[in-house]
Amino acid sequence: MEGRLAGKVALVTGAGSAGPGWGNGRATAVVFAREGARVFAVDRDAASLARTMELIGEAGGEGRPYECDVTDAAAVATMTEACQAVYGRIDVLVCNVGGSRPGGAADLDERTWDGQLGLNLTSAYLACRSVLPVMREQGGGAIVNIASTSGIRYTGSPQAAYAAAKAGVIQLSRVTAVEHAEHGIRVNTVVPGQLHTPMVEARLAAQRTGGNVGRLLRERLNRIPLGFMGDGRDTAHAALFLASDEARFVTGTEIVVDGGMTARCD
């Protein structure tokens, strides 16, 4: 299959979705497959992953599903081995797993703090740690980590652990990019803003507006200068560029996908 990722193997974590529609991971897996990558699609939710695989098939792409909890170091190591066993190599790694919990530094319990760091930051570290030796042996590769505008701005809700974790993802990417540039490995971050992904209905509305989805969407839309909300496909297309050879001279940096939200002063 021809495309911008033709001949490449892409391992995408968090390739399911919190509900119907285009979550960041599902969109990335489908867009990559449509662009010619053989996608090793990873998620811990078998039913959600199955829907992603259906969409990959409808797009005419190739992929394999793999269930894994990427906060478990041993499971991540086995995941990497499984991808190599199926496809023989890993050219692209996309670390997309994440999710927010409300709470500021004064009221977050320690268990929630630890869980947020594990889900949003340690998961990316474990995947990078596992896949980097494979890429070094191959002579190169591309890693795209998915962060959040919460990692660079206060975006309207106190979610200190999530924000700290996503800021950590950005810096993890920068440090790893410099360290492994000599091995032909590029590492970059996509920083999505307040997109309308299935997470809005599945979790965020209950956390922030008492379940009022319409109110939450209006609040989020009011922050976006472009006047509309993107979805997971916008994240996926930014990741596609960073994963492709078009970005051969791009490493250690971020693409912010937020409709101009973080450029505003208010």
Protein backbone atom coordinates (compact mmCIF):
# COMPACT_ATOMS: atom_id res chain seq x y z
CA MET A 1 0.00 0.00 0.00
CA GLU A 2 1.44 3.37 -1.02
CA GLY A 3 1.47 6.36 1.29
CA ARG A 4 3.63 8.55 3.47
CA LEU A 5 4.43 5.63 5.80
CA ALA A 6 4.67 2.91 3.16
CA GLY A 7 6.93 0.07 4.26
CA LYS A 8 7.05 1.19 7.89
CA VAL A 9 5.90 -0.64 11.01
CA ALA A 10 4.14 1.59 13.55
CA LEU A 11 3.43 0.56 17.14
CA VAL A 12 0.60 2.72 18.49
CA THR A 13 -0.37 2.53 22.16
CA GLY A 14 -3.80 3.60 23.31
CA ALA A 15 -5.16 2.67 19.89
CA GLY A 16 -8.70 2.18 21.14
CA SER A 17 -11.10 4.96 22.10
CA ALA A 18 -13.13 5.92 25.16
CA GLY A 19 -16.29 5.75 23.05
CA PRO A 20 -17.63 6.00 19.51
CA GLY A 21 -15.78 8.50 17.35
CA TRP A 22 -12.23 9.64 16.80
CA GLY A 23 -10.05 9.45 19.86
CA ASN A 24 -6.40 10.37 19.37
CA GLY A 25 -5.11 6.79 19.40
CA ARG A 26 -7.78 5.30 17.18
CA ALA A 27 -7.43 8.11 14.66
CA THR A 28 -3.66 7.73 14.63
CA ALA A 29 -3.82 3.99 14.05
CA VAL A 30 -6.30 4.37 11.18
CA VAL A 31 -4.53 7.32 9.53
CA PHE A 32 -1.18 5.54 9.74
CA ALA A 33 -2.64 2.39 8.21
CA ARG A 34 -4.25 4.41 5.44
CA GLU A 35 -0.83 5.93 4.75
CA GLY A 36 0.74 2.51 4.26
CA ALA A 37 2.06 1.59 7.70
CA ARG A 38 1.62 -1.85 9.14
CA VAL A 39 0.08 -0.93 12.48
CA PHE A 40 0.63 -2.88 15.68
CA ALA A 41 -2.36 -1.45 17.56
CA VAL A 42 -2.17 -1.70 21.36
CA ASP A 43 -4.87 -1.11 23.95
CA ARG A 44 -6.11 -2.73 27.15
CA ASP A 45 -9.77 -2.60 26.01
CA ALA A 46 -10.37 -5.50 23.62
CA ALA A 47 -13.76 -4.29 22.39
CA SER A 48 -12.53 -0.80 21.63
CA LEU A 49 -9.46 -2.19 19.93
CA ALA A 50 -11.64 -4.45 17.79
CA ARG A 51 -13.50 -1.41 16.46
CA THR A 52 -10.20 0.25 15.58
CA MET A 53 -9.20 -2.85 13.64
CA GLU A 54 -12.50 -2.73 11.73
CA LEU A 55 -11.77 0.85 10.73
CA ILE A 56 -8.23 -0.05 9.65
CA GLY A 57 -9.70 -2.76 7.45
CA GLU A 58 -12.27 -0.35 5.98
CA ALA A 59 -9.39 2.01 5.15
CA GLY A 60 -7.65 -0.76 3.22
CA GLY A 61 -4.82 -0.93 5.76
CA GLU A 62 -2.99 -3.68 7.60
CA GLY A 63 -2.74 -4.07 11.35
CA ARG A 64 -2.59 -6.45 14.27
CA PRO A 65 -4.35 -5.91 17.60
CA TYR A 66 -2.54 -6.46 20.88
CA GLU A 67 -3.95 -6.16 24.38
CA CYS A 68 -1.57 -4.64 26.91
CA ASP A 69 -1.49 -2.49 30.03
CA VAL A 70 1.36 -0.15 29.18
CA THR A 71 1.84 0.92 32.80
CA ASP A 72 3.24 -2.59 33.46
CA ALA A 73 6.94 -2.80 32.61
CA ALA A 74 6.96 -6.56 32.00
CA ALA A 75 3.89 -6.32 29.78
CA VAL A 76 5.48 -3.52 27.75
CA ALA A 77 8.62 -5.60 27.18
CA THR A 78 6.46 -8.49 25.98
CA MET A 79 4.51 -6.08 23.73
CA THR A 80 7.71 -4.97 22.02
CA GLU A 81 8.80 -8.56 21.51
CA ALA A 82 5.39 -9.43 20.08
CA CYS A 83 5.55 -6.61 17.54
CA GLN A 84 8.98 -7.75 16.43
CA ALA A 85 7.76 -11.33 16.17
CA VAL A 86 4.91 -10.26 13.88
CA TYR A 87 6.62 -7.62 11.75
CA GLY A 88 10.35 -7.99 12.37
CA ARG A 89 10.99 -4.34 13.21
CA ILE A 90 9.55 -1.14 14.72
CA ASP A 91 10.02 2.03 12.69
CA VAL A 92 7.54 4.27 14.52
CA LEU A 93 6.36 4.37 18.11
CA VAL A 94 3.38 6.50 19.13
CA CYS A 95 2.77 6.77 22.88
CA ASN A 96 -0.81 7.92 23.29
CA VAL A 97 -2.04 6.47 26.58
CA GLY A 98 -3.45 8.96 29.06
CA GLY A 99 -6.38 10.44 30.89
CA SER A 100 -7.01 13.17 33.43
CA ARG A 101 -8.32 13.26 36.99
CA PRO A 102 -9.40 16.51 38.69
CA GLY A 103 -7.68 17.96 41.71
CA GLY A 104 -5.11 20.55 42.71
CA ALA A 105 -1.98 20.09 44.79
CA ALA A 106 -3.79 20.86 48.04
CA ASP A 107 -6.54 18.27 47.64
CA LEU A 108 -5.20 15.46 45.43
CA ASP A 109 -4.66 12.25 47.35
CA GLU A 110 -1.32 10.55 46.86
CA ARG A 111 -2.83 7.49 45.22
CA THR A 112 -4.44 9.62 42.50
CA TRP A 113 -1.19 11.54 42.00
CA ASP A 114 0.79 8.32 41.58
CA GLY A 115 -1.84 6.88 39.26
CA GLN A 116 -1.83 9.94 37.04
CA LEU A 117 1.95 9.92 36.72
CA GLY A 118 1.88 6.22 35.95
CA LEU A 119 -0.82 6.44 33.30
CA ASN A 120 0.32 9.61 31.56
CA LEU A 121 4.11 9.69 31.97
CA THR A 122 5.50 6.35 33.09
CA SER A 123 3.60 4.61 30.28
CA ALA A 124 5.49 6.70 27.71
CA TYR A 125 8.81 6.15 29.47
CA LEU A 126 8.30 2.37 29.57
CA ALA A 127 7.41 2.18 25.89
CA CYS A 128 10.36 4.36 24.89
CA ARG A 129 12.72 2.37 27.09
CA SER A 130 11.56 -0.86 25.50
CA VAL A 131 11.56 0.25 21.87
CA LEU A 132 14.68 2.44 21.77
CA PRO A 133 17.12 -0.51 21.70
CA VAL A 134 15.19 -1.95 18.75
CA MET A 135 15.47 1.31 16.85
CA ARG A 136 19.14 1.67 17.67
CA GLU A 137 19.81 -1.82 16.32
CA GLN A 138 17.90 -0.96 13.14
CA GLY A 139 19.79 2.30 12.68
CA GLY A 140 16.91 4.71 13.29
CA GLY A 141 13.24 5.34 13.92
CA ALA A 142 10.71 7.94 14.96
CA ILE A 143 8.94 8.31 18.29
CA VAL A 144 5.90 10.54 18.71
CA ASN A 145 4.62 11.12 22.22
CA ILE A 146 1.16 12.61 22.80
CA ALA A 147 1.02 15.24 25.54
CA SER A 148 -1.61 17.94 26.20
CA THR A 149 -1.89 21.72 26.36
CA SER A 150 -2.41 21.13 30.09
CA GLY A 151 1.34 20.47 30.14
CA ILE A 152 2.13 24.01 28.96
CA ARG A 153 -0.84 26.13 30.18
CA TYR A 154 -3.58 26.22 32.78
CA THR A 155 -6.51 25.25 30.59
CA GLY A 156 -9.43 25.91 32.92
CA SER A 157 -9.54 22.97 35.34
CA PRO A 158 -7.35 22.13 38.33
CA GLN A 159 -5.78 18.83 37.34
CA ALA A 160 -2.31 19.22 38.79
CA ALA A 161 -1.15 15.62 38.43
CA TYR A 162 -2.26 15.36 34.81
CA ALA A 163 -0.65 18.70 33.96
CA ALA A 164 2.61 17.73 35.64
CA ALA A 165 2.65 14.36 33.87
CA LYS A 166 2.02 15.86 30.43
CA ALA A 167 4.71 18.48 31.01
CA GLY A 168 6.96 15.55 31.85
CA VAL A 169 6.10 13.85 28.56
CA ILE A 170 7.28 16.93 26.66
CA GLN A 171 10.59 17.07 28.50
CA LEU A 172 11.06 13.30 28.29
CA SER A 173 10.76 13.67 24.52
CA ARG A 174 13.27 16.52 24.33
CA VAL A 175 15.91 14.78 26.43
CA THR A 176 15.46 11.48 24.60
CA ALA A 177 15.66 13.23 21.24
CA VAL A 178 19.04 14.76 22.00
CA GLU A 179 20.40 11.60 23.57
CA HIS A 180 19.46 9.37 20.63
CA ALA A 181 19.89 11.71 17.66
CA GLU A 182 23.25 10.17 16.84
CA HIS A 183 21.49 6.85 16.34
CA GLY A 184 19.10 8.27 13.75
CA ILE A 185 16.16 8.27 16.15
CA ARG A 186 13.86 11.29 16.13
CA VAL A 187 11.61 12.03 19.13
CA ASN A 188 8.87 14.66 19.06
CA THR A 189 5.62 15.49 20.82
CA VAL A 190 2.13 16.37 19.65
CA VAL A 191 0.37 18.69 22.11
CA PRO A 192 -3.40 18.51 21.55
CA GLY A 193 -5.70 21.15 22.95
CA GLN A 194 -9.35 20.90 23.86
CA LEU A 195 -10.53 18.60 21.12
CA HIS A 196 -13.96 17.00 20.86
CA THR A 197 -12.91 13.41 21.34
CA PRO A 198 -15.06 10.63 22.86
CA MET A 199 -13.40 11.40 26.20
CA VAL A 200 -15.67 14.48 26.49
CA GLU A 201 -18.82 12.37 26.77
CA ALA A 202 -17.20 9.37 28.46
CA ARG A 203 -15.48 11.16 31.33
CA LEU A 204 -14.85 14.90 31.21
CA ALA A 205 -18.44 16.16 31.31
CA ALA A 206 -19.10 14.22 34.50
CA GLN A 207 -15.95 15.61 36.09
CA ARG A 208 -16.40 19.25 35.14
CA THR A 209 -20.02 20.15 34.39
CA GLY A 210 -22.08 17.60 36.28
CA GLY A 211 -22.64 15.58 33.14
CA ASN A 212 -23.78 18.51 31.01
CA VAL A 213 -21.99 17.75 27.74
CA GLY A 214 -23.37 20.78 25.91
CA ARG A 215 -22.15 23.16 28.58
CA LEU A 216 -18.66 21.65 28.58
CA LEU A 217 -18.45 21.86 24.79
CA ARG A 218 -19.50 25.53 24.87
CA GLU A 219 -16.91 26.34 27.54
CA ARG A 220 -14.17 24.64 25.57
CA LEU A 221 -15.21 26.22 22.28
CA ASN A 222 -15.11 29.70 23.81
CA ARG A 223 -11.37 29.27 24.42
CA ILE A 224 -10.54 28.49 20.77
CA PRO A 225 -9.79 31.41 18.40
CA LEU A 226 -10.49 29.34 15.27
CA GLY A 227 -14.07 28.95 16.43
CA PHE A 228 -14.39 25.18 16.13
CA MET A 229 -13.07 22.12 17.91
CA GLY A 230 -10.92 19.57 16.18
CA ASP A 231 -10.93 15.87 17.02
CA GLY A 232 -8.50 12.98 17.16
CA ARG A 233 -7.87 13.14 13.42
CA ASP A 234 -6.13 16.49 13.89
CA THR A 235 -3.78 14.92 16.41
CA ALA A 236 -3.25 11.99 14.04
CA HIS A 237 -2.26 14.16 11.09
CA ALA A 238 0.30 16.03 13.19
CA ALA A 239 1.69 12.68 14.34
CA LEU A 240 1.73 11.49 10.74
CA PHE A 241 4.02 14.34 9.71
CA LEU A 242 6.38 13.73 12.63
CA ALA A 243 6.49 9.99 11.92
CA SER A 244 7.11 10.42 8.20
CA ASP A 245 10.35 11.04 6.35
CA GLU A 246 9.07 14.55 5.62
CA ALA A 247 10.12 15.36 9.19
CA ARG A 248 13.64 13.97 8.75
CA PHE A 249 15.17 17.20 10.17
CA VAL A 250 12.65 17.61 13.01
CA THR A 251 13.45 16.30 16.48
CA GLY A 252 13.19 17.41 20.08
CA THR A 253 10.25 19.70 19.50
CA GLU A 254 6.45 19.94 19.69
CA ILE A 255 3.49 20.56 17.41
CA VAL A 256 0.63 22.23 19.27
CA VAL A 257 -2.79 21.27 17.88
CA ASP A 258 -5.25 23.57 19.66
CA GLY A 259 -6.90 26.02 17.25
CA GLY A 260 -4.82 28.86 18.68
CA MET A 261 -5.99 28.41 22.27
CA THR A 262 -2.59 28.59 23.97
CA ALA A 263 -1.56 31.61 21.88
CA ARG A 264 -4.22 33.73 23.57
CA CYS A 265 -3.32 35.90 26.56
CA ASP A 266 -6.52 35.21 28.51
